[in-house]
Amino acid sequence: MENALAVATLVCGLTAFVSTFWVSAHVISAWAGTAGFGIGLYSQYVSATTPQRSLNIIGMVGAFVGAALGIAHGGFLPHP
């Protein structure tokens, strides 16, 4: 379970970070970043090995940057 959480954190973080390159994808980056940060915090709590913690930190940093830029570009809801 710990490995799956670490990989999920990394995937959400990378998705959130990469989607910030397009301003119109602010909804994806905001939600993926928020989910990745939450999953990463729980994954860090239950992790048992250093490689899991390394993936968690990389994923959480990407998720935080993605969520912050997603919110700055327009937030959680799409613009009409």
PDB file of N, CA and C in Angstrom:
ATOM      1  N   MET A   1       0.813  -1.187   0.000  1.00  0.00           N
ATOM      2  CA  MET A   1       0.000   0.000   0.000  1.00  0.00           C
ATOM      3  C   MET A   1       0.866   1.265   0.000  1.00  0.00           C
ATOM      4  N   GLU A   2       1.982   1.224   0.721  1.00  0.00           N
ATOM      5  CA  GLU A   2       2.833   2.405   0.802  1.00  0.00           C
ATOM      6  C   GLU A   2       3.436   2.755  -0.557  1.00  0.00           C
ATOM      7  N   ASN A   3       3.820   1.722  -1.321  1.00  0.00           N
ATOM      8  CA  ASN A   3       4.383   1.979  -2.645  1.00  0.00           C
ATOM      9  C   ASN A   3       3.349   2.593  -3.579  1.00  0.00           C
ATOM     10  N   ALA A   4       2.122   2.105  -3.522  1.00  0.00           N
ATOM     11  CA  ALA A   4       1.061   2.648  -4.373  1.00  0.00           C
ATOM     12  C   ALA A   4       0.770   4.097  -4.016  1.00  0.00           C
ATOM     13  N   LEU A   5       0.778   4.423  -2.738  1.00  0.00           N
ATOM     14  CA  LEU A   5       0.550   5.810  -2.331  1.00  0.00           C
ATOM     15  C   LEU A   5       1.684   6.719  -2.795  1.00  0.00           C
ATOM     16  N   ALA A   6       2.918   6.236  -2.704  1.00  0.00           N
ATOM     17  CA  ALA A   6       4.058   7.032  -3.146  1.00  0.00           C
ATOM     18  C   ALA A   6       3.998   7.288  -4.650  1.00  0.00           C
ATOM     19  N   VAL A   7       3.644   6.270  -5.416  1.00  0.00           N
ATOM     20  CA  VAL A   7       3.534   6.436  -6.872  1.00  0.00           C
ATOM     21  C   VAL A   7       2.358   7.345  -7.219  1.00  0.00           C
ATOM     22  N   ALA A   8       1.246   7.208  -6.508  1.00  0.00           N
ATOM     23  CA  ALA A   8       0.091   8.080  -6.753  1.00  0.00           C
ATOM     24  C   ALA A   8       0.436   9.532  -6.462  1.00  0.00           C
ATOM     25  N   THR A   9       1.204   9.773  -5.413  1.00  0.00           N
ATOM     26  CA  THR A   9       1.650  11.132  -5.101  1.00  0.00           C
ATOM     27  C   THR A   9       2.516  11.681  -6.220  1.00  0.00           C
ATOM     28  N   LEU A  10       3.435  10.866  -6.702  1.00  0.00           N
ATOM     29  CA  LEU A  10       4.319  11.304  -7.781  1.00  0.00           C
ATOM     30  C   LEU A  10       3.535  11.597  -9.053  1.00  0.00           C
ATOM     31  N   VAL A  11       2.584  10.745  -9.403  1.00  0.00           N
ATOM     32  CA  VAL A  11       1.785  10.946 -10.618  1.00  0.00           C
ATOM     33  C   VAL A  11       0.940  12.215 -10.503  1.00  0.00           C
ATOM     34  N   CYS A  12       0.291  12.408  -9.363  1.00  0.00           N
ATOM     35  CA  CYS A  12      -0.512  13.628  -9.176  1.00  0.00           C
ATOM     36  C   CYS A  12       0.367  14.874  -9.212  1.00  0.00           C
ATOM     37  N   GLY A  13       1.532  14.796  -8.588  1.00  0.00           N
ATOM     38  CA  GLY A  13       2.439  15.937  -8.588  1.00  0.00           C
ATOM     39  C   GLY A  13       2.947  16.283  -9.971  1.00  0.00           C
ATOM     40  N   LEU A  14       3.327  15.267 -10.735  1.00  0.00           N
ATOM     41  CA  LEU A  14       3.793  15.523 -12.100  1.00  0.00           C
ATOM     42  C   LEU A  14       2.668  16.044 -12.986  1.00  0.00           C
ATOM     43  N   THR A  15       1.469  15.492 -12.826  1.00  0.00           N
ATOM     44  CA  THR A  15       0.319  15.970 -13.599  1.00  0.00           C
ATOM     45  C   THR A  15       0.023  17.422 -13.277  1.00  0.00           C
ATOM     46  N   ALA A  16       0.023  17.757 -12.002  1.00  0.00           N
ATOM     47  CA  ALA A  16      -0.253  19.134 -11.591  1.00  0.00           C
ATOM     48  C   ALA A  16       0.823  20.084 -12.102  1.00  0.00           C
ATOM     49  N   PHE A  17       2.080  19.666 -12.001  1.00  0.00           N
ATOM     50  CA  PHE A  17       3.167  20.549 -12.429  1.00  0.00           C
ATOM     51  C   PHE A  17       3.174  20.752 -13.939  1.00  0.00           C
ATOM     52  N   VAL A  18       3.015  19.673 -14.689  1.00  0.00           N
ATOM     53  CA  VAL A  18       3.063  19.781 -16.153  1.00  0.00           C
ATOM     54  C   VAL A  18       1.868  20.563 -16.690  1.00  0.00           C
ATOM     55  N   SER A  19       0.709  20.409 -16.066  1.00  0.00           N
ATOM     56  CA  SER A  19      -0.471  21.120 -16.568  1.00  0.00           C
ATOM     57  C   SER A  19      -0.417  22.619 -16.294  1.00  0.00           C
ATOM     58  N   THR A  20       0.529  23.081 -15.483  1.00  0.00           N
ATOM     59  CA  THR A  20       0.649  24.527 -15.264  1.00  0.00           C
ATOM     60  C   THR A  20       1.259  25.240 -16.461  1.00  0.00           C
ATOM     61  N   PHE A  21       1.840  24.499 -17.391  1.00  0.00           N
ATOM     62  CA  PHE A  21       2.420  25.136 -18.566  1.00  0.00           C
ATOM     63  C   PHE A  21       1.353  25.713 -19.487  1.00  0.00           C
ATOM     64  N   TRP A  22       0.115  25.264 -19.349  1.00  0.00           N
ATOM     65  CA  TRP A  22      -1.009  25.789 -20.114  1.00  0.00           C
ATOM     66  C   TRP A  22      -1.965  26.470 -19.146  1.00  0.00           C
ATOM     67  N   VAL A  23      -2.143  27.763 -19.308  1.00  0.00           N
ATOM     68  CA  VAL A  23      -2.984  28.525 -18.383  1.00  0.00           C
ATOM     69  C   VAL A  23      -4.416  28.007 -18.395  1.00  0.00           C
ATOM     70  N   SER A  24      -4.902  27.559 -19.538  1.00  0.00           N
ATOM     71  CA  SER A  24      -6.283  27.074 -19.625  1.00  0.00           C
ATOM     72  C   SER A  24      -6.488  25.745 -18.891  1.00  0.00           C
ATOM     73  N   ALA A  25      -5.428  25.095 -18.466  1.00  0.00           N
ATOM     74  CA  ALA A  25      -5.540  23.829 -17.730  1.00  0.00           C
ATOM     75  C   ALA A  25      -5.457  24.052 -16.221  1.00  0.00           C
ATOM     76  N   HIS A  26      -5.865  25.242 -15.767  1.00  0.00           N
ATOM     77  CA  HIS A  26      -5.746  25.569 -14.349  1.00  0.00           C
ATOM     78  C   HIS A  26      -6.608  24.671 -13.471  1.00  0.00           C
ATOM     79  N   VAL A  27      -7.737  24.174 -13.996  1.00  0.00           N
ATOM     80  CA  VAL A  27      -8.609  23.306 -13.197  1.00  0.00           C
ATOM     81  C   VAL A  27      -7.904  21.980 -12.912  1.00  0.00           C
ATOM     82  N   ILE A  28      -7.256  21.428 -13.927  1.00  0.00           N
ATOM     83  CA  ILE A  28      -6.542  20.157 -13.756  1.00  0.00           C
ATOM     84  C   ILE A  28      -5.398  20.321 -12.762  1.00  0.00           C
ATOM     85  N   SER A  29      -4.620  21.384 -12.925  1.00  0.00           N
ATOM     86  CA  SER A  29      -3.476  21.562 -12.033  1.00  0.00           C
ATOM     87  C   SER A  29      -3.911  21.850 -10.603  1.00  0.00           C
ATOM     88  N   ALA A  30      -4.982  22.604 -10.422  1.00  0.00           N
ATOM     89  CA  ALA A  30      -5.443  22.908  -9.066  1.00  0.00           C
ATOM     90  C   ALA A  30      -5.946  21.653  -8.353  1.00  0.00           C
ATOM     91  N   TRP A  31      -6.786  20.871  -9.027  1.00  0.00           N
ATOM     92  CA  TRP A  31      -7.341  19.674  -8.385  1.00  0.00           C
ATOM     93  C   TRP A  31      -6.301  18.569  -8.223  1.00  0.00           C
ATOM     94  N   ALA A  32      -5.487  18.339  -9.253  1.00  0.00           N
ATOM     95  CA  ALA A  32      -4.455  17.297  -9.146  1.00  0.00           C
ATOM     96  C   ALA A  32      -3.425  17.665  -8.082  1.00  0.00           C
ATOM     97  N   GLY A  33      -3.092  18.943  -8.001  1.00  0.00           N
ATOM     98  CA  GLY A  33      -2.150  19.388  -6.978  1.00  0.00           C
ATOM     99  C   GLY A  33      -2.693  19.231  -5.577  1.00  0.00           C
ATOM    100  N   THR A  34      -3.950  19.590  -5.386  1.00  0.00           N
ATOM    101  CA  THR A  34      -4.562  19.449  -4.066  1.00  0.00           C
ATOM    102  C   THR A  34      -4.667  17.979  -3.663  1.00  0.00           C
ATOM    103  N   ALA A  35      -5.096  17.143  -4.592  1.00  0.00           N
ATOM    104  CA  ALA A  35      -5.194  15.707  -4.302  1.00  0.00           C
ATOM    105  C   ALA A  35      -3.812  15.114  -4.037  1.00  0.00           C
ATOM    106  N   GLY A  36      -2.843  15.482  -4.853  1.00  0.00           N
ATOM    107  CA  GLY A  36      -1.491  14.964  -4.677  1.00  0.00           C
ATOM    108  C   GLY A  36      -0.869  15.378  -3.358  1.00  0.00           C
ATOM    109  N   PHE A  37      -1.149  16.601  -2.932  1.00  0.00           N
ATOM    110  CA  PHE A  37      -0.597  17.064  -1.663  1.00  0.00           C
ATOM    111  C   PHE A  37      -1.219  16.305  -0.496  1.00  0.00           C
ATOM    112  N   GLY A  38      -2.528  16.091  -0.553  1.00  0.00           N
ATOM    113  CA  GLY A  38      -3.195  15.332   0.508  1.00  0.00           C
ATOM    114  C   GLY A  38      -2.751  13.882   0.553  1.00  0.00           C
ATOM    115  N   ILE A  39      -2.680  13.257  -0.615  1.00  0.00           N
ATOM    116  CA  ILE A  39      -2.211  11.864  -0.679  1.00  0.00           C
ATOM    117  C   ILE A  39      -0.764  11.774  -0.208  1.00  0.00           C
ATOM    118  N   GLY A  40       0.033  12.761  -0.596  1.00  0.00           N
ATOM    119  CA  GLY A  40       1.439  12.766  -0.195  1.00  0.00           C
ATOM    120  C   GLY A  40       1.641  12.901   1.301  1.00  0.00           C
ATOM    121  N   LEU A  41       0.821  13.727   1.939  1.00  0.00           N
ATOM    122  CA  LEU A  41       0.940  13.868   3.390  1.00  0.00           C
ATOM    123  C   LEU A  41       0.604  12.559   4.099  1.00  0.00           C
ATOM    124  N   TYR A  42      -0.457  11.897   3.661  1.00  0.00           N
ATOM    125  CA  TYR A  42      -0.806  10.608   4.270  1.00  0.00           C
ATOM    126  C   TYR A  42       0.247   9.551   3.945  1.00  0.00           C
ATOM    127  N   SER A  43       0.735   9.570   2.723  1.00  0.00           N
ATOM    128  CA  SER A  43       1.747   8.600   2.322  1.00  0.00           C
ATOM    129  C   SER A  43       3.037   8.797   3.115  1.00  0.00           C
ATOM    130  N   GLN A  44       3.378  10.034   3.379  1.00  0.00           N
ATOM    131  CA  GLN A  44       4.564  10.320   4.191  1.00  0.00           C
ATOM    132  C   GLN A  44       4.368   9.802   5.618  1.00  0.00           C
ATOM    133  N   TYR A  45       3.155   9.875   6.105  1.00  0.00           N
ATOM    134  CA  TYR A  45       2.839   9.407   7.457  1.00  0.00           C
ATOM    135  C   TYR A  45       3.001   7.893   7.584  1.00  0.00           C
ATOM    136  N   VAL A  46       2.604   7.144   6.556  1.00  0.00           N
ATOM    137  CA  VAL A  46       2.649   5.682   6.642  1.00  0.00           C
ATOM    138  C   VAL A  46       3.869   5.071   5.954  1.00  0.00           C
ATOM    139  N   SER A  47       4.748   5.878   5.362  1.00  0.00           N
ATOM    140  CA  SER A  47       5.878   5.323   4.611  1.00  0.00           C
ATOM    141  C   SER A  47       6.864   4.634   5.548  1.00  0.00           C
ATOM    142  N   ALA A  48       7.547   3.641   4.990  1.00  0.00           N
ATOM    143  CA  ALA A  48       8.458   2.840   5.798  1.00  0.00           C
ATOM    144  C   ALA A  48       9.905   2.915   5.322  1.00  0.00           C
ATOM    145  N   THR A  49      10.133   3.316   4.081  1.00  0.00           N
ATOM    146  CA  THR A  49      11.492   3.297   3.550  1.00  0.00           C
ATOM    147  C   THR A  49      11.878   4.665   3.002  1.00  0.00           C
ATOM    148  N   THR A  50      13.167   4.864   2.845  1.00  0.00           N
ATOM    149  CA  THR A  50      13.680   6.125   2.315  1.00  0.00           C
ATOM    150  C   THR A  50      13.276   6.357   0.860  1.00  0.00           C
ATOM    151  N   PRO A  51      13.291   5.351  -0.027  1.00  0.00           N
ATOM    152  CA  PRO A  51      12.832   5.607  -1.403  1.00  0.00           C
ATOM    153  C   PRO A  51      11.377   6.064  -1.477  1.00  0.00           C
ATOM    154  N   GLN A  52      10.526   5.513  -0.623  1.00  0.00           N
ATOM    155  CA  GLN A  52       9.130   5.971  -0.600  1.00  0.00           C
ATOM    156  C   GLN A  52       9.063   7.429  -0.179  1.00  0.00           C
ATOM    157  N   ARG A  53       9.839   7.790   0.803  1.00  0.00           N
ATOM    158  CA  ARG A  53       9.836   9.175   1.279  1.00  0.00           C
ATOM    159  C   ARG A  53      10.396  10.113   0.224  1.00  0.00           C
ATOM    160  N   SER A  54      11.367   9.654  -0.540  1.00  0.00           N
ATOM    161  CA  SER A  54      11.913  10.488  -1.614  1.00  0.00           C
ATOM    162  C   SER A  54      10.868  10.747  -2.689  1.00  0.00           C
ATOM    163  N   LEU A  55      10.148   9.706  -3.099  1.00  0.00           N
ATOM    164  CA  LEU A  55       9.070   9.890  -4.077  1.00  0.00           C
ATOM    165  C   LEU A  55       7.982  10.800  -3.523  1.00  0.00           C
ATOM    166  N   ASN A  56       7.688  10.664  -2.240  1.00  0.00           N
ATOM    167  CA  ASN A  56       6.675  11.517  -1.625  1.00  0.00           C
ATOM    168  C   ASN A  56       7.071  12.986  -1.678  1.00  0.00           C
ATOM    169  N   ILE A  57       8.310  13.282  -1.352  1.00  0.00           N
ATOM    170  CA  ILE A  57       8.763  14.676  -1.337  1.00  0.00           C
ATOM    171  C   ILE A  57       8.744  15.255  -2.742  1.00  0.00           C
ATOM    172  N   ILE A  58       9.239  14.509  -3.721  1.00  0.00           N
ATOM    173  CA  ILE A  58       9.226  14.994  -5.108  1.00  0.00           C
ATOM    174  C   ILE A  58       7.795  15.229  -5.570  1.00  0.00           C
ATOM    175  N   GLY A  59       6.912  14.287  -5.280  1.00  0.00           N
ATOM    176  CA  GLY A  59       5.512  14.428  -5.669  1.00  0.00           C
ATOM    177  C   GLY A  59       4.817  15.573  -4.963  1.00  0.00           C
ATOM    178  N   MET A  60       5.092  15.757  -3.674  1.00  0.00           N
ATOM    179  CA  MET A  60       4.434  16.833  -2.932  1.00  0.00           C
ATOM    180  C   MET A  60       4.912  18.208  -3.376  1.00  0.00           C
ATOM    181  N   VAL A  61       6.182  18.338  -3.705  1.00  0.00           N
ATOM    182  CA  VAL A  61       6.674  19.625  -4.208  1.00  0.00           C
ATOM    183  C   VAL A  61       6.023  19.946  -5.546  1.00  0.00           C
ATOM    184  N   GLY A  62       5.961  18.969  -6.442  1.00  0.00           N
ATOM    185  CA  GLY A  62       5.281  19.180  -7.722  1.00  0.00           C
ATOM    186  C   GLY A  62       3.811  19.489  -7.545  1.00  0.00           C
ATOM    187  N   ALA A  63       3.164  18.797  -6.613  1.00  0.00           N
ATOM    188  CA  ALA A  63       1.745  19.030  -6.352  1.00  0.00           C
ATOM    189  C   ALA A  63       1.516  20.416  -5.775  1.00  0.00           C
ATOM    190  N   PHE A  64       2.394  20.841  -4.874  1.00  0.00           N
ATOM    191  CA  PHE A  64       2.236  22.166  -4.278  1.00  0.00           C
ATOM    192  C   PHE A  64       2.415  23.264  -5.313  1.00  0.00           C
ATOM    193  N   VAL A  65       3.455  23.148  -6.124  1.00  0.00           N
ATOM    194  CA  VAL A  65       3.686  24.152  -7.168  1.00  0.00           C
ATOM    195  C   VAL A  65       2.543  24.139  -8.173  1.00  0.00           C
ATOM    196  N   GLY A  66       2.088  22.962  -8.567  1.00  0.00           N
ATOM    197  CA  GLY A  66       0.974  22.857  -9.505  1.00  0.00           C
ATOM    198  C   GLY A  66      -0.305  23.435  -8.949  1.00  0.00           C
ATOM    199  N   ALA A  67      -0.602  23.140  -7.687  1.00  0.00           N
ATOM    200  CA  ALA A  67      -1.820  23.677  -7.072  1.00  0.00           C
ATOM    201  C   ALA A  67      -1.735  25.188  -6.937  1.00  0.00           C
ATOM    202  N   ALA A  68      -0.590  25.691  -6.519  1.00  0.00           N
ATOM    203  CA  ALA A  68      -0.441  27.137  -6.346  1.00  0.00           C
ATOM    204  C   ALA A  68      -0.587  27.875  -7.674  1.00  0.00           C
ATOM    205  N   LEU A  69       0.065  27.384  -8.712  1.00  0.00           N
ATOM    206  CA  LEU A  69      -0.043  28.050 -10.010  1.00  0.00           C
ATOM    207  C   LEU A  69      -1.418  27.842 -10.631  1.00  0.00           C
ATOM    208  N   GLY A  70      -2.030  26.693 -10.394  1.00  0.00           N
ATOM    209  CA  GLY A  70      -3.388  26.461 -10.883  1.00  0.00           C
ATOM    210  C   GLY A  70      -4.382  27.414 -10.248  1.00  0.00           C
ATOM    211  N   ILE A  71      -4.242  27.635  -8.953  1.00  0.00           N
ATOM    212  CA  ILE A  71      -5.117  28.589  -8.271  1.00  0.00           C
ATOM    213  C   ILE A  71      -4.834  30.004  -8.758  1.00  0.00           C
ATOM    214  N   ALA A  72      -3.561  30.340  -8.960  1.00  0.00           N
ATOM    215  CA  ALA A  72      -3.210  31.676  -9.446  1.00  0.00           C
ATOM    216  C   ALA A  72      -3.703  31.915 -10.869  1.00  0.00           C
ATOM    217  N   HIS A  73      -3.763  30.881 -11.681  1.00  0.00           N
ATOM    218  CA  HIS A  73      -4.208  31.033 -13.068  1.00  0.00           C
ATOM    219  C   HIS A  73      -5.716  31.046 -13.226  1.00  0.00           C
ATOM    220  N   GLY A  74      -6.465  30.696 -12.183  1.00  0.00           N
ATOM    221  CA  GLY A  74      -7.914  30.732 -12.341  1.00  0.00           C
ATOM    222  C   GLY A  74      -8.694  29.933 -11.334  1.00  0.00           C
ATOM    223  N   GLY A  75      -8.050  29.081 -10.579  1.00  0.00           N
ATOM    224  CA  GLY A  75      -8.744  28.384  -9.513  1.00  0.00           C
ATOM    225  C   GLY A  75      -9.275  27.013  -9.870  1.00  0.00           C
ATOM    226  N   PHE A  76     -10.202  26.545  -9.038  1.00  0.00           N
ATOM    227  CA  PHE A  76     -10.713  25.180  -9.120  1.00  0.00           C
ATOM    228  C   PHE A  76     -11.845  25.000 -10.120  1.00  0.00           C
ATOM    229  N   LEU A  77     -12.502  26.066 -10.492  1.00  0.00           N
ATOM    230  CA  LEU A  77     -13.650  25.968 -11.393  1.00  0.00           C
ATOM    231  C   LEU A  77     -13.313  26.576 -12.747  1.00  0.00           C
ATOM    232  N   PRO A  78     -13.824  26.003 -13.825  1.00  0.00           N
ATOM    233  CA  PRO A  78     -13.547  26.559 -15.159  1.00  0.00           C
ATOM    234  C   PRO A  78     -14.251  27.894 -15.357  1.00  0.00           C
ATOM    235  N   HIS A  79     -13.649  28.721 -16.178  1.00  0.00           N
ATOM    236  CA  HIS A  79     -14.246  30.015 -16.511  1.00  0.00           C
ATOM    237  C   HIS A  79     -15.294  29.822 -17.597  1.00  0.00           C
ATOM    238  N   PRO A  80     -16.389  30.570 -17.519  1.00  0.00           N
ATOM    239  CA  PRO A  80     -17.426  30.429 -18.569  1.00  0.00           C
ATOM    240  C   PRO A  80     -16.991  31.003 -19.903  1.00  0.00           C
TER     241      PRO A  80
END
